[in-house]
Amino acid sequence: GNEVVVVTSRCKKIASVNEKDENLEENNKIATNLISRNLEKETIQMKVHTQQCLISYKKYERSGILVYEIVPMKSLRNDESMLVQTVLLMFFSCITIGVILSIFFTKRIEEPINR
């Protein structure tokens, strides 16, 4: 899943969420790399933990703290397919409701004519 890590400007870890023990060394290298960048915040794509990941980070100038999140690209693709499924479900639900209401109102309009 997503890993979130908070480190100082000297790469000393303050906190982390979902960080696995086997990823500690690689995450330290990532933190060192991100601290050396000149940008305050950025999103980059790179191979991390044997899979393509998106890394978003923000450096806080005043405190020197770096917060970064590692998101596997696979999880983003899952979100995309879930979004498409939701849109399709809403579309077909609207069509179904429209057809039902159309039939209902057609019968109500037809009743007085048939009398």
Protein backbone atom coordinates (compact mmCIF):
# COMPACT_ATOMS: atom_id res chain seq x y z
CA GLY A 1 0.00 0.00 0.00
CA ASN A 2 0.91 3.65 0.28
CA GLU A 3 3.88 4.53 2.47
CA VAL A 4 4.15 7.95 4.11
CA VAL A 5 7.44 8.99 5.71
CA VAL A 6 8.43 12.15 7.61
CA VAL A 7 12.14 12.97 7.99
CA THR A 8 14.27 15.90 9.12
CA SER A 9 16.67 17.76 6.82
CA ARG A 10 19.39 15.38 8.08
CA CYS A 11 17.38 12.31 7.02
CA LYS A 12 16.47 11.35 10.59
CA LYS A 13 13.07 9.68 10.50
CA ILE A 14 10.38 11.29 12.65
CA ALA A 15 7.38 9.18 11.69
CA SER A 16 6.12 6.74 9.09
CA VAL A 17 2.91 5.00 8.09
CA ASN A 18 2.77 1.59 6.35
CA GLU A 19 6.57 1.46 6.04
CA LYS A 20 7.84 -2.12 5.94
CA ASP A 21 11.10 -3.12 7.60
CA GLU A 22 12.56 -4.47 4.34
CA ASN A 23 12.06 -1.03 2.71
CA LEU A 24 13.91 1.03 5.34
CA GLU A 25 17.25 1.21 3.52
CA GLU A 26 15.71 2.08 0.16
CA ASN A 27 13.45 4.70 1.79
CA ASN A 28 16.51 6.34 3.39
CA LYS A 29 18.10 6.63 -0.07
CA ILE A 30 14.87 8.13 -1.43
CA ALA A 31 14.75 10.66 1.42
CA THR A 32 18.38 11.66 0.78
CA ASN A 33 17.62 12.08 -2.93
CA LEU A 34 14.52 14.19 -2.25
CA ILE A 35 16.27 16.43 0.26
CA SER A 36 19.03 17.15 -2.26
CA ARG A 37 16.48 18.40 -4.83
CA ASN A 38 15.98 22.15 -5.06
CA LEU A 39 12.20 22.04 -5.44
CA GLU A 40 9.94 22.57 -2.44
CA LYS A 41 7.30 20.13 -3.65
CA GLU A 42 7.05 17.80 -6.60
CA THR A 43 5.62 14.51 -7.81
CA ILE A 44 8.00 12.12 -9.54
CA GLN A 45 7.71 8.65 -10.99
CA MET A 46 10.37 6.04 -10.32
CA LYS A 47 10.89 2.35 -9.62
CA VAL A 48 10.71 1.68 -5.89
CA HIS A 49 10.47 -1.67 -4.09
CA THR A 50 10.57 -3.52 -7.46
CA GLN A 51 7.53 -1.70 -8.87
CA GLN A 52 6.74 1.58 -10.60
CA CYS A 53 5.63 4.17 -8.06
CA LEU A 54 4.61 7.77 -7.83
CA ILE A 55 6.44 9.75 -5.14
CA SER A 56 4.91 13.01 -3.92
CA TYR A 57 6.84 15.11 -1.47
CA LYS A 58 6.86 18.48 0.23
CA LYS A 59 9.72 20.18 2.05
CA TYR A 60 8.94 22.65 4.80
CA GLU A 61 11.60 25.34 4.66
CA ARG A 62 11.09 26.72 8.13
CA SER A 63 11.41 23.40 9.97
CA GLY A 64 13.48 21.51 7.40
CA ILE A 65 11.01 18.63 7.50
CA LEU A 66 10.39 16.48 4.43
CA VAL A 67 7.14 14.56 4.03
CA TYR A 68 6.87 12.07 1.18
CA GLU A 69 4.41 9.43 0.06
CA ILE A 70 5.12 6.41 -2.13
CA VAL A 71 2.08 5.25 -4.13
CA PRO A 72 2.33 2.14 -6.34
CA MET A 73 1.10 2.82 -9.90
CA LYS A 74 -0.99 -0.37 -9.72
CA SER A 75 -3.17 1.15 -7.03
CA LEU A 76 -3.74 4.24 -9.19
CA ARG A 77 -4.87 2.09 -12.10
CA ASN A 78 -7.31 0.31 -9.80
CA ASP A 79 -8.79 3.68 -8.85
CA GLU A 80 -9.17 4.52 -12.55
CA SER A 81 -11.09 1.32 -13.28
CA MET A 82 -13.28 1.90 -10.23
CA LEU A 83 -14.06 5.40 -11.49
CA VAL A 84 -15.04 4.05 -14.93
CA GLN A 85 -17.25 1.40 -13.30
CA THR A 86 -18.95 4.03 -11.14
CA VAL A 87 -19.61 6.31 -14.11
CA LEU A 88 -21.06 3.43 -16.14
CA LEU A 89 -23.24 2.34 -13.21
CA MET A 90 -24.59 5.87 -12.81
CA PHE A 91 -25.22 6.16 -16.57
CA PHE A 92 -27.19 2.92 -16.80
CA SER A 93 -29.07 3.73 -13.59
CA CYS A 94 -30.19 7.06 -15.09
CA ILE A 95 -31.25 5.33 -18.33
CA THR A 96 -33.24 2.72 -16.38
CA ILE A 97 -34.99 5.35 -14.23
CA GLY A 98 -35.73 7.37 -17.37
CA VAL A 99 -37.31 4.40 -19.14
CA ILE A 100 -39.42 3.48 -16.09
CA LEU A 101 -40.66 7.08 -15.69
CA SER A 102 -41.35 7.28 -19.43
CA ILE A 103 -43.50 4.14 -19.32
CA PHE A 104 -45.34 5.39 -16.22
CA PHE A 105 -46.16 8.82 -17.67
CA THR A 106 -47.07 7.34 -21.06
CA LYS A 107 -49.68 5.12 -19.37
CA ARG A 108 -51.04 8.10 -17.39
CA ILE A 109 -51.39 10.18 -20.56
CA GLU A 110 -52.89 7.23 -22.49
CA GLU A 111 -55.61 6.46 -19.89
CA PRO A 112 -57.86 9.48 -20.57
CA ILE A 113 -57.49 9.01 -24.33
CA ASN A 114 -58.63 5.37 -24.18
CA ARG A 115 -61.76 6.25 -22.19
